[in-house]
């Protein structure tokens, strides 16, 4: 479960500022 959460959280960490590309968001 922890790793499944961290999988999703990595995309959160990789999310760019709002004025940039939002694919990871």
PDBML (XML) file of the C-alpha atoms, coordinates in Angstrom:
<?xml version="1.0" encoding="UTF-8" ?>
<PDBx:datablock datablockName="MODEL"
   xmlns:PDBx="http://pdbml.pdb.org/schema/pdbx-v50.xsd"
   xmlns:xsi="http://www.w3.org/2001/XMLSchema-instance"
   xsi:schemaLocation="http://pdbml.pdb.org/schema/pdbx-v50.xsd pdbx-v50.xsd">
   <PDBx:atom_siteCategory>
      <PDBx:atom_site id="1">
         <PDBx:B_iso_or_equiv>0.00</PDBx:B_iso_or_equiv>
         <PDBx:Cartn_x>0.000</PDBx:Cartn_x>
         <PDBx:Cartn_y>0.000</PDBx:Cartn_y>
         <PDBx:Cartn_z>0.000</PDBx:Cartn_z>
         <PDBx:auth_asym_id>A</PDBx:auth_asym_id>
         <PDBx:auth_atom_id>CA</PDBx:auth_atom_id>
         <PDBx:auth_comp_id>UNK</PDBx:auth_comp_id>
         <PDBx:auth_seq_id>1</PDBx:auth_seq_id>
         <PDBx:group_PDB>ATOM</PDBx:group_PDB>
         <PDBx:label_alt_id xsi:nil="true" />
         <PDBx:label_asym_id>A</PDBx:label_asym_id>
         <PDBx:label_atom_id>CA</PDBx:label_atom_id>
         <PDBx:label_comp_id>UNK</PDBx:label_comp_id>
         <PDBx:label_entity_id>1</PDBx:label_entity_id>
         <PDBx:label_seq_id>1</PDBx:label_seq_id>
         <PDBx:occupancy>1.00</PDBx:occupancy>
         <PDBx:pdbx_PDB_model_num>1</PDBx:pdbx_PDB_model_num>
         <PDBx:type_symbol>C</PDBx:type_symbol>
      </PDBx:atom_site>
      <PDBx:atom_site id="2">
         <PDBx:B_iso_or_equiv>0.00</PDBx:B_iso_or_equiv>
         <PDBx:Cartn_x>2.801</PDBx:Cartn_x>
         <PDBx:Cartn_y>2.404</PDBx:Cartn_y>
         <PDBx:Cartn_z>0.892</PDBx:Cartn_z>
         <PDBx:auth_asym_id>A</PDBx:auth_asym_id>
         <PDBx:auth_atom_id>CA</PDBx:auth_atom_id>
         <PDBx:auth_comp_id>UNK</PDBx:auth_comp_id>
         <PDBx:auth_seq_id>2</PDBx:auth_seq_id>
         <PDBx:group_PDB>ATOM</PDBx:group_PDB>
         <PDBx:label_alt_id xsi:nil="true" />
         <PDBx:label_asym_id>A</PDBx:label_asym_id>
         <PDBx:label_atom_id>CA</PDBx:label_atom_id>
         <PDBx:label_comp_id>UNK</PDBx:label_comp_id>
         <PDBx:label_entity_id>1</PDBx:label_entity_id>
         <PDBx:label_seq_id>2</PDBx:label_seq_id>
         <PDBx:occupancy>1.00</PDBx:occupancy>
         <PDBx:pdbx_PDB_model_num>1</PDBx:pdbx_PDB_model_num>
         <PDBx:type_symbol>C</PDBx:type_symbol>
      </PDBx:atom_site>
      <PDBx:atom_site id="3">
         <PDBx:B_iso_or_equiv>0.00</PDBx:B_iso_or_equiv>
         <PDBx:Cartn_x>4.497</PDBx:Cartn_x>
         <PDBx:Cartn_y>1.847</PDBx:Cartn_y>
         <PDBx:Cartn_z>-2.458</PDBx:Cartn_z>
         <PDBx:auth_asym_id>A</PDBx:auth_asym_id>
         <PDBx:auth_atom_id>CA</PDBx:auth_atom_id>
         <PDBx:auth_comp_id>UNK</PDBx:auth_comp_id>
         <PDBx:auth_seq_id>3</PDBx:auth_seq_id>
         <PDBx:group_PDB>ATOM</PDBx:group_PDB>
         <PDBx:label_alt_id xsi:nil="true" />
         <PDBx:label_asym_id>A</PDBx:label_asym_id>
         <PDBx:label_atom_id>CA</PDBx:label_atom_id>
         <PDBx:label_comp_id>UNK</PDBx:label_comp_id>
         <PDBx:label_entity_id>1</PDBx:label_entity_id>
         <PDBx:label_seq_id>3</PDBx:label_seq_id>
         <PDBx:occupancy>1.00</PDBx:occupancy>
         <PDBx:pdbx_PDB_model_num>1</PDBx:pdbx_PDB_model_num>
         <PDBx:type_symbol>C</PDBx:type_symbol>
      </PDBx:atom_site>
      <PDBx:atom_site id="4">
         <PDBx:B_iso_or_equiv>0.00</PDBx:B_iso_or_equiv>
         <PDBx:Cartn_x>1.218</PDBx:Cartn_x>
         <PDBx:Cartn_y>2.200</PDBx:Cartn_y>
         <PDBx:Cartn_z>-4.355</PDBx:Cartn_z>
         <PDBx:auth_asym_id>A</PDBx:auth_asym_id>
         <PDBx:auth_atom_id>CA</PDBx:auth_atom_id>
         <PDBx:auth_comp_id>UNK</PDBx:auth_comp_id>
         <PDBx:auth_seq_id>4</PDBx:auth_seq_id>
         <PDBx:group_PDB>ATOM</PDBx:group_PDB>
         <PDBx:label_alt_id xsi:nil="true" />
         <PDBx:label_asym_id>A</PDBx:label_asym_id>
         <PDBx:label_atom_id>CA</PDBx:label_atom_id>
         <PDBx:label_comp_id>UNK</PDBx:label_comp_id>
         <PDBx:label_entity_id>1</PDBx:label_entity_id>
         <PDBx:label_seq_id>4</PDBx:label_seq_id>
         <PDBx:occupancy>1.00</PDBx:occupancy>
         <PDBx:pdbx_PDB_model_num>1</PDBx:pdbx_PDB_model_num>
         <PDBx:type_symbol>C</PDBx:type_symbol>
      </PDBx:atom_site>
      <PDBx:atom_site id="5">
         <PDBx:B_iso_or_equiv>0.00</PDBx:B_iso_or_equiv>
         <PDBx:Cartn_x>0.773</PDBx:Cartn_x>
         <PDBx:Cartn_y>5.562</PDBx:Cartn_y>
         <PDBx:Cartn_z>-2.643</PDBx:Cartn_z>
         <PDBx:auth_asym_id>A</PDBx:auth_asym_id>
         <PDBx:auth_atom_id>CA</PDBx:auth_atom_id>
         <PDBx:auth_comp_id>UNK</PDBx:auth_comp_id>
         <PDBx:auth_seq_id>5</PDBx:auth_seq_id>
         <PDBx:group_PDB>ATOM</PDBx:group_PDB>
         <PDBx:label_alt_id xsi:nil="true" />
         <PDBx:label_asym_id>A</PDBx:label_asym_id>
         <PDBx:label_atom_id>CA</PDBx:label_atom_id>
         <PDBx:label_comp_id>UNK</PDBx:label_comp_id>
         <PDBx:label_entity_id>1</PDBx:label_entity_id>
         <PDBx:label_seq_id>5</PDBx:label_seq_id>
         <PDBx:occupancy>1.00</PDBx:occupancy>
         <PDBx:pdbx_PDB_model_num>1</PDBx:pdbx_PDB_model_num>
         <PDBx:type_symbol>C</PDBx:type_symbol>
      </PDBx:atom_site>
      <PDBx:atom_site id="6">
         <PDBx:B_iso_or_equiv>0.00</PDBx:B_iso_or_equiv>
         <PDBx:Cartn_x>4.357</PDBx:Cartn_x>
         <PDBx:Cartn_y>6.599</PDBx:Cartn_y>
         <PDBx:Cartn_z>-3.342</PDBx:Cartn_z>
         <PDBx:auth_asym_id>A</PDBx:auth_asym_id>
         <PDBx:auth_atom_id>CA</PDBx:auth_atom_id>
         <PDBx:auth_comp_id>UNK</PDBx:auth_comp_id>
         <PDBx:auth_seq_id>6</PDBx:auth_seq_id>
         <PDBx:group_PDB>ATOM</PDBx:group_PDB>
         <PDBx:label_alt_id xsi:nil="true" />
         <PDBx:label_asym_id>A</PDBx:label_asym_id>
         <PDBx:label_atom_id>CA</PDBx:label_atom_id>
         <PDBx:label_comp_id>UNK</PDBx:label_comp_id>
         <PDBx:label_entity_id>1</PDBx:label_entity_id>
         <PDBx:label_seq_id>6</PDBx:label_seq_id>
         <PDBx:occupancy>1.00</PDBx:occupancy>
         <PDBx:pdbx_PDB_model_num>1</PDBx:pdbx_PDB_model_num>
         <PDBx:type_symbol>C</PDBx:type_symbol>
      </PDBx:atom_site>
      <PDBx:atom_site id="7">
         <PDBx:B_iso_or_equiv>0.00</PDBx:B_iso_or_equiv>
         <PDBx:Cartn_x>3.839</PDBx:Cartn_x>
         <PDBx:Cartn_y>5.714</PDBx:Cartn_y>
         <PDBx:Cartn_z>-7.014</PDBx:Cartn_z>
         <PDBx:auth_asym_id>A</PDBx:auth_asym_id>
         <PDBx:auth_atom_id>CA</PDBx:auth_atom_id>
         <PDBx:auth_comp_id>UNK</PDBx:auth_comp_id>
         <PDBx:auth_seq_id>7</PDBx:auth_seq_id>
         <PDBx:group_PDB>ATOM</PDBx:group_PDB>
         <PDBx:label_alt_id xsi:nil="true" />
         <PDBx:label_asym_id>A</PDBx:label_asym_id>
         <PDBx:label_atom_id>CA</PDBx:label_atom_id>
         <PDBx:label_comp_id>UNK</PDBx:label_comp_id>
         <PDBx:label_entity_id>1</PDBx:label_entity_id>
         <PDBx:label_seq_id>7</PDBx:label_seq_id>
         <PDBx:occupancy>1.00</PDBx:occupancy>
         <PDBx:pdbx_PDB_model_num>1</PDBx:pdbx_PDB_model_num>
         <PDBx:type_symbol>C</PDBx:type_symbol>
      </PDBx:atom_site>
      <PDBx:atom_site id="8">
         <PDBx:B_iso_or_equiv>0.00</PDBx:B_iso_or_equiv>
         <PDBx:Cartn_x>1.077</PDBx:Cartn_x>
         <PDBx:Cartn_y>8.341</PDBx:Cartn_y>
         <PDBx:Cartn_z>-7.172</PDBx:Cartn_z>
         <PDBx:auth_asym_id>A</PDBx:auth_asym_id>
         <PDBx:auth_atom_id>CA</PDBx:auth_atom_id>
         <PDBx:auth_comp_id>UNK</PDBx:auth_comp_id>
         <PDBx:auth_seq_id>8</PDBx:auth_seq_id>
         <PDBx:group_PDB>ATOM</PDBx:group_PDB>
         <PDBx:label_alt_id xsi:nil="true" />
         <PDBx:label_asym_id>A</PDBx:label_asym_id>
         <PDBx:label_atom_id>CA</PDBx:label_atom_id>
         <PDBx:label_comp_id>UNK</PDBx:label_comp_id>
         <PDBx:label_entity_id>1</PDBx:label_entity_id>
         <PDBx:label_seq_id>8</PDBx:label_seq_id>
         <PDBx:occupancy>1.00</PDBx:occupancy>
         <PDBx:pdbx_PDB_model_num>1</PDBx:pdbx_PDB_model_num>
         <PDBx:type_symbol>C</PDBx:type_symbol>
      </PDBx:atom_site>
      <PDBx:atom_site id="9">
         <PDBx:B_iso_or_equiv>0.00</PDBx:B_iso_or_equiv>
         <PDBx:Cartn_x>2.971</PDBx:Cartn_x>
         <PDBx:Cartn_y>10.766</PDBx:Cartn_y>
         <PDBx:Cartn_z>-4.947</PDBx:Cartn_z>
         <PDBx:auth_asym_id>A</PDBx:auth_asym_id>
         <PDBx:auth_atom_id>CA</PDBx:auth_atom_id>
         <PDBx:auth_comp_id>UNK</PDBx:auth_comp_id>
         <PDBx:auth_seq_id>9</PDBx:auth_seq_id>
         <PDBx:group_PDB>ATOM</PDBx:group_PDB>
         <PDBx:label_alt_id xsi:nil="true" />
         <PDBx:label_asym_id>A</PDBx:label_asym_id>
         <PDBx:label_atom_id>CA</PDBx:label_atom_id>
         <PDBx:label_comp_id>UNK</PDBx:label_comp_id>
         <PDBx:label_entity_id>1</PDBx:label_entity_id>
         <PDBx:label_seq_id>9</PDBx:label_seq_id>
         <PDBx:occupancy>1.00</PDBx:occupancy>
         <PDBx:pdbx_PDB_model_num>1</PDBx:pdbx_PDB_model_num>
         <PDBx:type_symbol>C</PDBx:type_symbol>
      </PDBx:atom_site>
      <PDBx:atom_site id="10">
         <PDBx:B_iso_or_equiv>0.00</PDBx:B_iso_or_equiv>
         <PDBx:Cartn_x>5.951</PDBx:Cartn_x>
         <PDBx:Cartn_y>10.763</PDBx:Cartn_y>
         <PDBx:Cartn_z>-7.325</PDBx:Cartn_z>
         <PDBx:auth_asym_id>A</PDBx:auth_asym_id>
         <PDBx:auth_atom_id>CA</PDBx:auth_atom_id>
         <PDBx:auth_comp_id>UNK</PDBx:auth_comp_id>
         <PDBx:auth_seq_id>10</PDBx:auth_seq_id>
         <PDBx:group_PDB>ATOM</PDBx:group_PDB>
         <PDBx:label_alt_id xsi:nil="true" />
         <PDBx:label_asym_id>A</PDBx:label_asym_id>
         <PDBx:label_atom_id>CA</PDBx:label_atom_id>
         <PDBx:label_comp_id>UNK</PDBx:label_comp_id>
         <PDBx:label_entity_id>1</PDBx:label_entity_id>
         <PDBx:label_seq_id>10</PDBx:label_seq_id>
         <PDBx:occupancy>1.00</PDBx:occupancy>
         <PDBx:pdbx_PDB_model_num>1</PDBx:pdbx_PDB_model_num>
         <PDBx:type_symbol>C</PDBx:type_symbol>
      </PDBx:atom_site>
      <PDBx:atom_site id="11">
         <PDBx:B_iso_or_equiv>0.00</PDBx:B_iso_or_equiv>
         <PDBx:Cartn_x>3.740</PDBx:Cartn_x>
         <PDBx:Cartn_y>12.298</PDBx:Cartn_y>
         <PDBx:Cartn_z>-10.014</PDBx:Cartn_z>
         <PDBx:auth_asym_id>A</PDBx:auth_asym_id>
         <PDBx:auth_atom_id>CA</PDBx:auth_atom_id>
         <PDBx:auth_comp_id>UNK</PDBx:auth_comp_id>
         <PDBx:auth_seq_id>11</PDBx:auth_seq_id>
         <PDBx:group_PDB>ATOM</PDBx:group_PDB>
         <PDBx:label_alt_id xsi:nil="true" />
         <PDBx:label_asym_id>A</PDBx:label_asym_id>
         <PDBx:label_atom_id>CA</PDBx:label_atom_id>
         <PDBx:label_comp_id>UNK</PDBx:label_comp_id>
         <PDBx:label_entity_id>1</PDBx:label_entity_id>
         <PDBx:label_seq_id>11</PDBx:label_seq_id>
         <PDBx:occupancy>1.00</PDBx:occupancy>
         <PDBx:pdbx_PDB_model_num>1</PDBx:pdbx_PDB_model_num>
         <PDBx:type_symbol>C</PDBx:type_symbol>
      </PDBx:atom_site>
      <PDBx:atom_site id="12">
         <PDBx:B_iso_or_equiv>0.00</PDBx:B_iso_or_equiv>
         <PDBx:Cartn_x>2.666</PDBx:Cartn_x>
         <PDBx:Cartn_y>14.919</PDBx:Cartn_y>
         <PDBx:Cartn_z>-7.477</PDBx:Cartn_z>
         <PDBx:auth_asym_id>A</PDBx:auth_asym_id>
         <PDBx:auth_atom_id>CA</PDBx:auth_atom_id>
         <PDBx:auth_comp_id>UNK</PDBx:auth_comp_id>
         <PDBx:auth_seq_id>12</PDBx:auth_seq_id>
         <PDBx:group_PDB>ATOM</PDBx:group_PDB>
         <PDBx:label_alt_id xsi:nil="true" />
         <PDBx:label_asym_id>A</PDBx:label_asym_id>
         <PDBx:label_atom_id>CA</PDBx:label_atom_id>
         <PDBx:label_comp_id>UNK</PDBx:label_comp_id>
         <PDBx:label_entity_id>1</PDBx:label_entity_id>
         <PDBx:label_seq_id>12</PDBx:label_seq_id>
         <PDBx:occupancy>1.00</PDBx:occupancy>
         <PDBx:pdbx_PDB_model_num>1</PDBx:pdbx_PDB_model_num>
         <PDBx:type_symbol>C</PDBx:type_symbol>
      </PDBx:atom_site>
      <PDBx:atom_site id="13">
         <PDBx:B_iso_or_equiv>0.00</PDBx:B_iso_or_equiv>
         <PDBx:Cartn_x>6.327</PDBx:Cartn_x>
         <PDBx:Cartn_y>15.708</PDBx:Cartn_y>
         <PDBx:Cartn_z>-6.794</PDBx:Cartn_z>
         <PDBx:auth_asym_id>A</PDBx:auth_asym_id>
         <PDBx:auth_atom_id>CA</PDBx:auth_atom_id>
         <PDBx:auth_comp_id>UNK</PDBx:auth_comp_id>
         <PDBx:auth_seq_id>13</PDBx:auth_seq_id>
         <PDBx:group_PDB>ATOM</PDBx:group_PDB>
         <PDBx:label_alt_id xsi:nil="true" />
         <PDBx:label_asym_id>A</PDBx:label_asym_id>
         <PDBx:label_atom_id>CA</PDBx:label_atom_id>
         <PDBx:label_comp_id>UNK</PDBx:label_comp_id>
         <PDBx:label_entity_id>1</PDBx:label_entity_id>
         <PDBx:label_seq_id>13</PDBx:label_seq_id>
         <PDBx:occupancy>1.00</PDBx:occupancy>
         <PDBx:pdbx_PDB_model_num>1</PDBx:pdbx_PDB_model_num>
         <PDBx:type_symbol>C</PDBx:type_symbol>
      </PDBx:atom_site>
      <PDBx:atom_site id="14">
         <PDBx:B_iso_or_equiv>0.00</PDBx:B_iso_or_equiv>
         <PDBx:Cartn_x>6.992</PDBx:Cartn_x>
         <PDBx:Cartn_y>15.900</PDBx:Cartn_y>
         <PDBx:Cartn_z>-10.529</PDBx:Cartn_z>
         <PDBx:auth_asym_id>A</PDBx:auth_asym_id>
         <PDBx:auth_atom_id>CA</PDBx:auth_atom_id>
         <PDBx:auth_comp_id>UNK</PDBx:auth_comp_id>
         <PDBx:auth_seq_id>14</PDBx:auth_seq_id>
         <PDBx:group_PDB>ATOM</PDBx:group_PDB>
         <PDBx:label_alt_id xsi:nil="true" />
         <PDBx:label_asym_id>A</PDBx:label_asym_id>
         <PDBx:label_atom_id>CA</PDBx:label_atom_id>
         <PDBx:label_comp_id>UNK</PDBx:label_comp_id>
         <PDBx:label_entity_id>1</PDBx:label_entity_id>
         <PDBx:label_seq_id>14</PDBx:label_seq_id>
         <PDBx:occupancy>1.00</PDBx:occupancy>
         <PDBx:pdbx_PDB_model_num>1</PDBx:pdbx_PDB_model_num>
         <PDBx:type_symbol>C</PDBx:type_symbol>
      </PDBx:atom_site>
      <PDBx:atom_site id="15">
         <PDBx:B_iso_or_equiv>0.00</PDBx:B_iso_or_equiv>
         <PDBx:Cartn_x>4.127</PDBx:Cartn_x>
         <PDBx:Cartn_y>18.340</PDBx:Cartn_y>
         <PDBx:Cartn_z>-11.143</PDBx:Cartn_z>
         <PDBx:auth_asym_id>A</PDBx:auth_asym_id>
         <PDBx:auth_atom_id>CA</PDBx:auth_atom_id>
         <PDBx:auth_comp_id>UNK</PDBx:auth_comp_id>
         <PDBx:auth_seq_id>15</PDBx:auth_seq_id>
         <PDBx:group_PDB>ATOM</PDBx:group_PDB>
         <PDBx:label_alt_id xsi:nil="true" />
         <PDBx:label_asym_id>A</PDBx:label_asym_id>
         <PDBx:label_atom_id>CA</PDBx:label_atom_id>
         <PDBx:label_comp_id>UNK</PDBx:label_comp_id>
         <PDBx:label_entity_id>1</PDBx:label_entity_id>
         <PDBx:label_seq_id>15</PDBx:label_seq_id>
         <PDBx:occupancy>1.00</PDBx:occupancy>
         <PDBx:pdbx_PDB_model_num>1</PDBx:pdbx_PDB_model_num>
         <PDBx:type_symbol>C</PDBx:type_symbol>
      </PDBx:atom_site>
      <PDBx:atom_site id="16">
         <PDBx:B_iso_or_equiv>0.00</PDBx:B_iso_or_equiv>
         <PDBx:Cartn_x>5.338</PDBx:Cartn_x>
         <PDBx:Cartn_y>21.631</PDBx:Cartn_y>
         <PDBx:Cartn_z>-12.597</PDBx:Cartn_z>
         <PDBx:auth_asym_id>A</PDBx:auth_asym_id>
         <PDBx:auth_atom_id>CA</PDBx:auth_atom_id>
         <PDBx:auth_comp_id>UNK</PDBx:auth_comp_id>
         <PDBx:auth_seq_id>16</PDBx:auth_seq_id>
         <PDBx:group_PDB>ATOM</PDBx:group_PDB>
         <PDBx:label_alt_id xsi:nil="true" />
         <PDBx:label_asym_id>A</PDBx:label_asym_id>
         <PDBx:label_atom_id>CA</PDBx:label_atom_id>
         <PDBx:label_comp_id>UNK</PDBx:label_comp_id>
         <PDBx:label_entity_id>1</PDBx:label_entity_id>
         <PDBx:label_seq_id>16</PDBx:label_seq_id>
         <PDBx:occupancy>1.00</PDBx:occupancy>
         <PDBx:pdbx_PDB_model_num>1</PDBx:pdbx_PDB_model_num>
         <PDBx:type_symbol>C</PDBx:type_symbol>
      </PDBx:atom_site>
      <PDBx:atom_site id="17">
         <PDBx:B_iso_or_equiv>0.00</PDBx:B_iso_or_equiv>
         <PDBx:Cartn_x>4.375</PDBx:Cartn_x>
         <PDBx:Cartn_y>25.194</PDBx:Cartn_y>
         <PDBx:Cartn_z>-11.682</PDBx:Cartn_z>
         <PDBx:auth_asym_id>A</PDBx:auth_asym_id>
         <PDBx:auth_atom_id>CA</PDBx:auth_atom_id>
         <PDBx:auth_comp_id>UNK</PDBx:auth_comp_id>
         <PDBx:auth_seq_id>17</PDBx:auth_seq_id>
         <PDBx:group_PDB>ATOM</PDBx:group_PDB>
         <PDBx:label_alt_id xsi:nil="true" />
         <PDBx:label_asym_id>A</PDBx:label_asym_id>
         <PDBx:label_atom_id>CA</PDBx:label_atom_id>
         <PDBx:label_comp_id>UNK</PDBx:label_comp_id>
         <PDBx:label_entity_id>1</PDBx:label_entity_id>
         <PDBx:label_seq_id>17</PDBx:label_seq_id>
         <PDBx:occupancy>1.00</PDBx:occupancy>
         <PDBx:pdbx_PDB_model_num>1</PDBx:pdbx_PDB_model_num>
         <PDBx:type_symbol>C</PDBx:type_symbol>
      </PDBx:atom_site>
      <PDBx:atom_site id="18">
         <PDBx:B_iso_or_equiv>0.00</PDBx:B_iso_or_equiv>
         <PDBx:Cartn_x>0.940</PDBx:Cartn_x>
         <PDBx:Cartn_y>26.155</PDBx:Cartn_y>
         <PDBx:Cartn_z>-13.012</PDBx:Cartn_z>
         <PDBx:auth_asym_id>A</PDBx:auth_asym_id>
         <PDBx:auth_atom_id>CA</PDBx:auth_atom_id>
         <PDBx:auth_comp_id>UNK</PDBx:auth_comp_id>
         <PDBx:auth_seq_id>18</PDBx:auth_seq_id>
         <PDBx:group_PDB>ATOM</PDBx:group_PDB>
         <PDBx:label_alt_id xsi:nil="true" />
         <PDBx:label_asym_id>A</PDBx:label_asym_id>
         <PDBx:label_atom_id>CA</PDBx:label_atom_id>
         <PDBx:label_comp_id>UNK</PDBx:label_comp_id>
         <PDBx:label_entity_id>1</PDBx:label_entity_id>
         <PDBx:label_seq_id>18</PDBx:label_seq_id>
         <PDBx:occupancy>1.00</PDBx:occupancy>
         <PDBx:pdbx_PDB_model_num>1</PDBx:pdbx_PDB_model_num>
         <PDBx:type_symbol>C</PDBx:type_symbol>
      </PDBx:atom_site>
      <PDBx:atom_site id="19">
         <PDBx:B_iso_or_equiv>0.00</PDBx:B_iso_or_equiv>
         <PDBx:Cartn_x>2.401</PDBx:Cartn_x>
         <PDBx:Cartn_y>28.247</PDBx:Cartn_y>
         <PDBx:Cartn_z>-15.848</PDBx:Cartn_z>
         <PDBx:auth_asym_id>A</PDBx:auth_asym_id>
         <PDBx:auth_atom_id>CA</PDBx:auth_atom_id>
         <PDBx:auth_comp_id>UNK</PDBx:auth_comp_id>
         <PDBx:auth_seq_id>19</PDBx:auth_seq_id>
         <PDBx:group_PDB>ATOM</PDBx:group_PDB>
         <PDBx:label_alt_id xsi:nil="true" />
         <PDBx:label_asym_id>A</PDBx:label_asym_id>
         <PDBx:label_atom_id>CA</PDBx:label_atom_id>
         <PDBx:label_comp_id>UNK</PDBx:label_comp_id>
         <PDBx:label_entity_id>1</PDBx:label_entity_id>
         <PDBx:label_seq_id>19</PDBx:label_seq_id>
         <PDBx:occupancy>1.00</PDBx:occupancy>
         <PDBx:pdbx_PDB_model_num>1</PDBx:pdbx_PDB_model_num>
         <PDBx:type_symbol>C</PDBx:type_symbol>
      </PDBx:atom_site>
      <PDBx:atom_site id="20">
         <PDBx:B_iso_or_equiv>0.00</PDBx:B_iso_or_equiv>
         <PDBx:Cartn_x>4.273</PDBx:Cartn_x>
         <PDBx:Cartn_y>25.230</PDBx:Cartn_y>
         <PDBx:Cartn_z>-17.280</PDBx:Cartn_z>
         <PDBx:auth_asym_id>A</PDBx:auth_asym_id>
         <PDBx:auth_atom_id>CA</PDBx:auth_atom_id>
         <PDBx:auth_comp_id>UNK</PDBx:auth_comp_id>
         <PDBx:auth_seq_id>20</PDBx:auth_seq_id>
         <PDBx:group_PDB>ATOM</PDBx:group_PDB>
         <PDBx:label_alt_id xsi:nil="true" />
         <PDBx:label_asym_id>A</PDBx:label_asym_id>
         <PDBx:label_atom_id>CA</PDBx:label_atom_id>
         <PDBx:label_comp_id>UNK</PDBx:label_comp_id>
         <PDBx:label_entity_id>1</PDBx:label_entity_id>
         <PDBx:label_seq_id>20</PDBx:label_seq_id>
         <PDBx:occupancy>1.00</PDBx:occupancy>
         <PDBx:pdbx_PDB_model_num>1</PDBx:pdbx_PDB_model_num>
         <PDBx:type_symbol>C</PDBx:type_symbol>
      </PDBx:atom_site>
      <PDBx:atom_site id="21">
         <PDBx:B_iso_or_equiv>0.00</PDBx:B_iso_or_equiv>
         <PDBx:Cartn_x>3.163</PDBx:Cartn_x>
         <PDBx:Cartn_y>21.943</PDBx:Cartn_y>
         <PDBx:Cartn_z>-18.833</PDBx:Cartn_z>
         <PDBx:auth_asym_id>A</PDBx:auth_asym_id>
         <PDBx:auth_atom_id>CA</PDBx:auth_atom_id>
         <PDBx:auth_comp_id>UNK</PDBx:auth_comp_id>
         <PDBx:auth_seq_id>21</PDBx:auth_seq_id>
         <PDBx:group_PDB>ATOM</PDBx:group_PDB>
         <PDBx:label_alt_id xsi:nil="true" />
         <PDBx:label_asym_id>A</PDBx:label_asym_id>
         <PDBx:label_atom_id>CA</PDBx:label_atom_id>
         <PDBx:label_comp_id>UNK</PDBx:label_comp_id>
         <PDBx:label_entity_id>1</PDBx:label_entity_id>
         <PDBx:label_seq_id>21</PDBx:label_seq_id>
         <PDBx:occupancy>1.00</PDBx:occupancy>
         <PDBx:pdbx_PDB_model_num>1</PDBx:pdbx_PDB_model_num>
         <PDBx:type_symbol>C</PDBx:type_symbol>
      </PDBx:atom_site>
      <PDBx:atom_site id="22">
         <PDBx:B_iso_or_equiv>0.00</PDBx:B_iso_or_equiv>
         <PDBx:Cartn_x>0.646</PDBx:Cartn_x>
         <PDBx:Cartn_y>20.150</PDBx:Cartn_y>
         <PDBx:Cartn_z>-16.606</PDBx:Cartn_z>
         <PDBx:auth_asym_id>A</PDBx:auth_asym_id>
         <PDBx:auth_atom_id>CA</PDBx:auth_atom_id>
         <PDBx:auth_comp_id>UNK</PDBx:auth_comp_id>
         <PDBx:auth_seq_id>22</PDBx:auth_seq_id>
         <PDBx:group_PDB>ATOM</PDBx:group_PDB>
         <PDBx:label_alt_id xsi:nil="true" />
         <PDBx:label_asym_id>A</PDBx:label_asym_id>
         <PDBx:label_atom_id>CA</PDBx:label_atom_id>
         <PDBx:label_comp_id>UNK</PDBx:label_comp_id>
         <PDBx:label_entity_id>1</PDBx:label_entity_id>
         <PDBx:label_seq_id>22</PDBx:label_seq_id>
         <PDBx:occupancy>1.00</PDBx:occupancy>
         <PDBx:pdbx_PDB_model_num>1</PDBx:pdbx_PDB_model_num>
         <PDBx:type_symbol>C</PDBx:type_symbol>
      </PDBx:atom_site>
      <PDBx:atom_site id="23">
         <PDBx:B_iso_or_equiv>0.00</PDBx:B_iso_or_equiv>
         <PDBx:Cartn_x>0.944</PDBx:Cartn_x>
         <PDBx:Cartn_y>16.574</PDBx:Cartn_y>
         <PDBx:Cartn_z>-17.927</PDBx:Cartn_z>
         <PDBx:auth_asym_id>A</PDBx:auth_asym_id>
         <PDBx:auth_atom_id>CA</PDBx:auth_atom_id>
         <PDBx:auth_comp_id>UNK</PDBx:auth_comp_id>
         <PDBx:auth_seq_id>23</PDBx:auth_seq_id>
         <PDBx:group_PDB>ATOM</PDBx:group_PDB>
         <PDBx:label_alt_id xsi:nil="true" />
         <PDBx:label_asym_id>A</PDBx:label_asym_id>
         <PDBx:label_atom_id>CA</PDBx:label_atom_id>
         <PDBx:label_comp_id>UNK</PDBx:label_comp_id>
         <PDBx:label_entity_id>1</PDBx:label_entity_id>
         <PDBx:label_seq_id>23</PDBx:label_seq_id>
         <PDBx:occupancy>1.00</PDBx:occupancy>
         <PDBx:pdbx_PDB_model_num>1</PDBx:pdbx_PDB_model_num>
         <PDBx:type_symbol>C</PDBx:type_symbol>
      </PDBx:atom_site>
      <PDBx:atom_site id="24">
         <PDBx:B_iso_or_equiv>0.00</PDBx:B_iso_or_equiv>
         <PDBx:Cartn_x>2.341</PDBx:Cartn_x>
         <PDBx:Cartn_y>15.294</PDBx:Cartn_y>
         <PDBx:Cartn_z>-14.624</PDBx:Cartn_z>
         <PDBx:auth_asym_id>A</PDBx:auth_asym_id>
         <PDBx:auth_atom_id>CA</PDBx:auth_atom_id>
         <PDBx:auth_comp_id>UNK</PDBx:auth_comp_id>
         <PDBx:auth_seq_id>24</PDBx:auth_seq_id>
         <PDBx:group_PDB>ATOM</PDBx:group_PDB>
         <PDBx:label_alt_id xsi:nil="true" />
         <PDBx:label_asym_id>A</PDBx:label_asym_id>
         <PDBx:label_atom_id>CA</PDBx:label_atom_id>
         <PDBx:label_comp_id>UNK</PDBx:label_comp_id>
         <PDBx:label_entity_id>1</PDBx:label_entity_id>
         <PDBx:label_seq_id>24</PDBx:label_seq_id>
         <PDBx:occupancy>1.00</PDBx:occupancy>
         <PDBx:pdbx_PDB_model_num>1</PDBx:pdbx_PDB_model_num>
         <PDBx:type_symbol>C</PDBx:type_symbol>
      </PDBx:atom_site>
      <PDBx:atom_site id="25">
         <PDBx:B_iso_or_equiv>0.00</PDBx:B_iso_or_equiv>
         <PDBx:Cartn_x>-0.326</PDBx:Cartn_x>
         <PDBx:Cartn_y>17.205</PDBx:Cartn_y>
         <PDBx:Cartn_z>-12.699</PDBx:Cartn_z>
         <PDBx:auth_asym_id>A</PDBx:auth_asym_id>
         <PDBx:auth_atom_id>CA</PDBx:auth_atom_id>
         <PDBx:auth_comp_id>UNK</PDBx:auth_comp_id>
         <PDBx:auth_seq_id>25</PDBx:auth_seq_id>
         <PDBx:group_PDB>ATOM</PDBx:group_PDB>
         <PDBx:label_alt_id xsi:nil="true" />
         <PDBx:label_asym_id>A</PDBx:label_asym_id>
         <PDBx:label_atom_id>CA</PDBx:label_atom_id>
         <PDBx:label_comp_id>UNK</PDBx:label_comp_id>
         <PDBx:label_entity_id>1</PDBx:label_entity_id>
         <PDBx:label_seq_id>25</PDBx:label_seq_id>
         <PDBx:occupancy>1.00</PDBx:occupancy>
         <PDBx:pdbx_PDB_model_num>1</PDBx:pdbx_PDB_model_num>
         <PDBx:type_symbol>C</PDBx:type_symbol>
      </PDBx:atom_site>
   </PDBx:atom_siteCategory>
</PDBx:datablock>
